PDB file of N, CA and C in Angstrom:
ATOM      1  N   MET A   1     219.653-125.189 -88.342  1.00  0.00           N
ATOM      2  CA  MET A   1     218.294-124.912 -87.849  1.00  0.00           C
ATOM      3  C   MET A   1     218.083-125.564 -86.473  1.00  0.00           C
ATOM      4  N   LYS A   2     218.558-126.790 -86.346  1.00  0.00           N
ATOM      5  CA  LYS A   2     218.396-127.498 -85.082  1.00  0.00           C
ATOM      6  C   LYS A   2     219.172-126.803 -83.960  1.00  0.00           C
ATOM      7  N   ASN A   3     220.424-126.406 -84.269  1.00  0.00           N
ATOM      8  CA  ASN A   3     221.237-125.693 -83.285  1.00  0.00           C
ATOM      9  C   ASN A   3     220.612-124.362 -82.900  1.00  0.00           C
ATOM     10  N   MET A   4     220.042-123.684 -83.887  1.00  0.00           N
ATOM     11  CA  MET A   4     219.408-122.398 -83.632  1.00  0.00           C
ATOM     12  C   MET A   4     218.219-122.569 -82.687  1.00  0.00           C
ATOM     13  N   ARG A   5     217.453-123.605 -82.907  1.00  0.00           N
ATOM     14  CA  ARG A   5     216.298-123.868 -82.055  1.00  0.00           C
ATOM     15  C   ARG A   5     216.748-124.205 -80.637  1.00  0.00           C
ATOM     16  N   ILE A   6     217.809-124.986 -80.512  1.00  0.00           N
ATOM     17  CA  ILE A   6     218.327-125.364 -79.194  1.00  0.00           C
ATOM     18  C   ILE A   6     218.847-124.143 -78.445  1.00  0.00           C
ATOM     19  N   SER A   7     219.589-123.281 -79.158  1.00  0.00           N
ATOM     20  CA  SER A   7     220.132-122.084 -78.510  1.00  0.00           C
ATOM     21  C   SER A   7     219.008-121.132 -78.104  1.00  0.00           C
ATOM     22  N   TYR A   8     217.970-121.052 -78.941  1.00  0.00           N
ATOM     23  CA  TYR A   8     216.813-120.209 -78.611  1.00  0.00           C
ATOM     24  C   TYR A   8     216.127-120.728 -77.354  1.00  0.00           C
ATOM     25  N   PHE A   9     215.970-122.043 -77.267  1.00  0.00           N
ATOM     26  CA  PHE A   9     215.345-122.661 -76.104  1.00  0.00           C
ATOM     27  C   PHE A   9     216.193-122.438 -74.855  1.00  0.00           C
ATOM     28  N   HIS A  10     217.526-122.536 -75.028  1.00  0.00           N
ATOM     29  CA  HIS A  10     218.456-122.325 -73.914  1.00  0.00           C
ATOM     30  C   HIS A  10     218.366-120.889 -73.400  1.00  0.00           C
ATOM     31  N   THR A  11     218.308-119.936 -74.324  1.00  0.00           N
ATOM     32  CA  THR A  11     218.188-118.530 -73.943  1.00  0.00           C
ATOM     33  C   THR A  11     216.863-118.279 -73.231  1.00  0.00           C
ATOM     34  N   LEU A  12     215.810-118.878 -73.742  1.00  0.00           N
ATOM     35  CA  LEU A  12     214.487-118.743 -73.139  1.00  0.00           C
ATOM     36  C   LEU A  12     214.492-119.332 -71.730  1.00  0.00           C
ATOM     37  N   LEU A  13     215.146-120.482 -71.577  1.00  0.00           N
ATOM     38  CA  LEU A  13     215.233-121.145 -70.280  1.00  0.00           C
ATOM     39  C   LEU A  13     216.010-120.288 -69.286  1.00  0.00           C
ATOM     40  N   ASN A  14     217.141-119.724 -69.734  1.00  0.00           N
ATOM     41  CA  ASN A  14     217.952-118.866 -68.865  1.00  0.00           C
ATOM     42  C   ASN A  14     217.174-117.635 -68.425  1.00  0.00           C
ATOM     43  N   SER A  15     216.522-116.974 -69.367  1.00  0.00           N
ATOM     44  CA  SER A  15     215.782-115.752 -69.037  1.00  0.00           C
ATOM     45  C   SER A  15     214.608-116.064 -68.116  1.00  0.00           C
ATOM     46  N   SER A  16     213.944-117.192 -68.346  1.00  0.00           N
ATOM     47  CA  SER A  16     212.811-117.551 -67.497  1.00  0.00           C
ATOM     48  C   SER A  16     213.286-117.918 -66.093  1.00  0.00           C
ATOM     49  N   THR A  17     214.470-118.540 -65.998  1.00  0.00           N
ATOM     50  CA  THR A  17     215.025-118.881 -64.683  1.00  0.00           C
ATOM     51  C   THR A  17     215.355-117.623 -63.900  1.00  0.00           C
ATOM     52  N   ILE A  18     215.989-116.659 -64.572  1.00  0.00           N
ATOM     53  CA  ILE A  18     216.317-115.381 -63.932  1.00  0.00           C
ATOM     54  C   ILE A  18     215.036-114.665 -63.512  1.00  0.00           C
ATOM     55  N   TYR A  19     214.039-114.683 -64.391  1.00  0.00           N
ATOM     56  CA  TYR A  19     212.765-114.030 -64.101  1.00  0.00           C
ATOM     57  C   TYR A  19     212.078-114.702 -62.918  1.00  0.00           C
ATOM     58  N   LEU A  20     212.153-116.028 -62.861  1.00  0.00           N
ATOM     59  CA  LEU A  20     211.534-116.762 -61.763  1.00  0.00           C
ATOM     60  C   LEU A  20     212.225-116.462 -60.439  1.00  0.00           C
ATOM     61  N   LYS A  21     213.570-116.371 -60.458  1.00  0.00           N
ATOM     62  CA  LYS A  21     214.296-116.051 -59.232  1.00  0.00           C
ATOM     63  C   LYS A  21     213.927-114.660 -58.742  1.00  0.00           C
ATOM     64  N   ASN A  22     213.920-113.675 -59.646  1.00  0.00           N
ATOM     65  CA  ASN A  22     213.555-112.308 -59.268  1.00  0.00           C
ATOM     66  C   ASN A  22     212.103-112.248 -58.819  1.00  0.00           C
ATOM     67  N   GLY A  23     211.237-112.951 -59.529  1.00  0.00           N
ATOM     68  CA  GLY A  23     209.821-112.973 -59.192  1.00  0.00           C
ATOM     69  C   GLY A  23     209.582-113.613 -57.834  1.00  0.00           C
ATOM     70  N   PHE A  24     210.330-114.667 -57.539  1.00  0.00           N
ATOM     71  CA  PHE A  24     210.186-115.343 -56.250  1.00  0.00           C
ATOM     72  C   PHE A  24     210.643-114.439 -55.112  1.00  0.00           C
ATOM     73  N   PHE A  25     211.749-113.709 -55.346  1.00  0.00           N
ATOM     74  CA  PHE A  25     212.262-112.769 -54.344  1.00  0.00           C
ATOM     75  C   PHE A  25     211.254-111.656 -54.085  1.00  0.00           C
ATOM     76  N   LEU A  26     210.691-111.098 -55.177  1.00  0.00           N
ATOM     77  CA  LEU A  26     209.691-110.039 -55.039  1.00  0.00           C
ATOM     78  C   LEU A  26     208.439-110.562 -54.353  1.00  0.00           C
ATOM     79  N   PHE A  27     208.061-111.800 -54.687  1.00  0.00           N
ATOM     80  CA  PHE A  27     206.880-112.411 -54.080  1.00  0.00           C
ATOM     81  C   PHE A  27     207.089-112.613 -52.580  1.00  0.00           C
ATOM     82  N   CYS A  28     208.301-113.053 -52.200  1.00  0.00           N
ATOM     83  CA  CYS A  28     208.609-113.227 -50.774  1.00  0.00           C
ATOM     84  C   CYS A  28     208.585-111.890 -50.042  1.00  0.00           C
ATOM     85  N   MET A  29     209.126-110.854 -50.685  1.00  0.00           N
ATOM     86  CA  MET A  29     209.104-109.521 -50.085  1.00  0.00           C
ATOM     87  C   MET A  29     207.671-109.030 -49.918  1.00  0.00           C
ATOM     88  N   TRP A  30     206.836-109.265 -50.940  1.00  0.00           N
ATOM     89  CA  TRP A  30     205.450-108.806 -50.900  1.00  0.00           C
ATOM     90  C   TRP A  30     204.672-109.546 -49.819  1.00  0.00           C
ATOM     91  N   VAL A  31     204.868-110.860 -49.765  1.00  0.00           N
ATOM     92  CA  VAL A  31     204.167-111.662 -48.757  1.00  0.00           C
ATOM     93  C   VAL A  31     204.627-111.275 -47.352  1.00  0.00           C
ATOM     94  N   GLY A  32     205.947-111.049 -47.200  1.00  0.00           N
ATOM     95  CA  GLY A  32     206.478-110.639 -45.907  1.00  0.00           C
ATOM     96  C   GLY A  32     205.931-109.291 -45.477  1.00  0.00           C
ATOM     97  N   GLY A  33     205.868-108.348 -46.408  1.00  0.00           N
ATOM     98  CA  GLY A  33     205.349-107.022 -46.097  1.00  0.00           C
ATOM     99  C   GLY A  33     203.856-107.041 -45.822  1.00  0.00           C
ATOM    100  N   TYR A  34     203.153-108.030 -46.397  1.00  0.00           N
ATOM    101  CA  TYR A  34     201.713-108.115 -46.202  1.00  0.00           C
ATOM    102  C   TYR A  34     201.376-108.821 -44.893  1.00  0.00           C
ATOM    103  N   ILE A  35     202.177-109.836 -44.535  1.00  0.00           N
ATOM    104  CA  ILE A  35     201.873-110.648 -43.357  1.00  0.00           C
ATOM    105  C   ILE A  35     202.454-110.043 -42.078  1.00  0.00           C
ATOM    106  N   PHE A  36     203.607-109.355 -42.192  1.00  0.00           N
ATOM    107  CA  PHE A  36     204.333-108.878 -41.008  1.00  0.00           C
ATOM    108  C   PHE A  36     203.496-108.008 -40.068  1.00  0.00           C
ATOM    109  N   PRO A  37     202.718-107.018 -40.554  1.00  0.00           N
ATOM    110  CA  PRO A  37     201.902-106.218 -39.627  1.00  0.00           C
ATOM    111  C   PRO A  37     200.888-107.049 -38.856  1.00  0.00           C
ATOM    112  N   PHE A  38     200.263-108.027 -39.526  1.00  0.00           N
ATOM    113  CA  PHE A  38     199.306-108.891 -38.839  1.00  0.00           C
ATOM    114  C   PHE A  38     200.011-109.742 -37.790  1.00  0.00           C
ATOM    115  N   PHE A  39     201.192-110.257 -38.153  1.00  0.00           N
ATOM    116  CA  PHE A  39     201.979-111.074 -37.233  1.00  0.00           C
ATOM    117  C   PHE A  39     202.427-110.252 -36.028  1.00  0.00           C
ATOM    118  N   TYR A  40     202.838-109.028 -36.274  1.00  0.00           N
ATOM    119  CA  TYR A  40     203.303-108.139 -35.207  1.00  0.00           C
ATOM    120  C   TYR A  40     202.155-107.784 -34.261  1.00  0.00           C
ATOM    121  N   SER A  41     201.000-107.471 -34.829  1.00  0.00           N
ATOM    122  CA  SER A  41     199.849-107.130 -33.993  1.00  0.00           C
ATOM    123  C   SER A  41     199.360-108.352 -33.218  1.00  0.00           C
ATOM    124  N   PHE A  42     199.476-109.537 -33.831  1.00  0.00           N
ATOM    125  CA  PHE A  42     199.106-110.767 -33.145  1.00  0.00           C
ATOM    126  C   PHE A  42     200.048-111.031 -31.970  1.00  0.00           C
ATOM    127  N   LEU A  43     201.352-110.801 -32.184  1.00  0.00           N
ATOM    128  CA  LEU A  43     202.330-110.982 -31.105  1.00  0.00           C
ATOM    129  C   LEU A  43     202.067-110.001 -29.966  1.00  0.00           C
ATOM    130  N   SER A  44     201.793-108.749 -30.300  1.00  0.00           N
ATOM    131  CA  SER A  44     201.544-107.749 -29.266  1.00  0.00           C
ATOM    132  C   SER A  44     200.232-108.050 -28.535  1.00  0.00           C
ATOM    133  N   TYR A  45     199.258-108.623 -29.253  1.00  0.00           N
ATOM    134  CA  TYR A  45     197.992-109.006 -28.623  1.00  0.00           C
ATOM    135  C   TYR A  45     198.204-110.173 -27.663  1.00  0.00           C
ATOM    136  N   VAL A  46     199.023-111.142 -28.072  1.00  0.00           N
ATOM    137  CA  VAL A  46     199.276-112.317 -27.239  1.00  0.00           C
ATOM    138  C   VAL A  46     200.044-111.931 -25.976  1.00  0.00           C
ATOM    139  N   SER A  47     201.011-111.031 -26.102  1.00  0.00           N
ATOM    140  CA  SER A  47     201.818-110.641 -24.941  1.00  0.00           C
ATOM    141  C   SER A  47     201.214-109.430 -24.227  1.00  0.00           C
ATOM    142  N   ASP A  48     199.941-109.156 -24.471  1.00  0.00           N
ATOM    143  CA  ASP A  48     199.202-108.073 -23.812  1.00  0.00           C
ATOM    144  C   ASP A  48     199.842-106.706 -23.999  1.00  0.00           C
ATOM    145  N   GLY A  49     200.353-106.461 -25.209  1.00  0.00           N
ATOM    146  CA  GLY A  49     200.854-105.135 -25.546  1.00  0.00           C
ATOM    147  C   GLY A  49     202.167-104.776 -24.896  1.00  0.00           C
ATOM    148  N   TYR A  50     202.959-105.770 -24.518  1.00  0.00           N
ATOM    149  CA  TYR A  50     204.278-105.466 -23.950  1.00  0.00           C
ATOM    150  C   TYR A  50     205.289-105.074 -25.014  1.00  0.00           C
ATOM    151  N   ILE A  51     205.021-105.467 -26.266  1.00  0.00           N
ATOM    152  CA  ILE A  51     205.939-105.129 -27.360  1.00  0.00           C
ATOM    153  C   ILE A  51     205.781-103.653 -27.712  1.00  0.00           C
TER     154      ILE A  51
END
């Protein structure tokens, strides 16, 4: 019973780690896609539309 609980916890930990890595990657992509247009327009505004 103790081993079963430990293995269950280990599996849960592994799956949550994988989920967190994928979630972090997706979150970075989402944040990048959300911020990039504002950053680009800010850069073009600062350089007076030379970009």
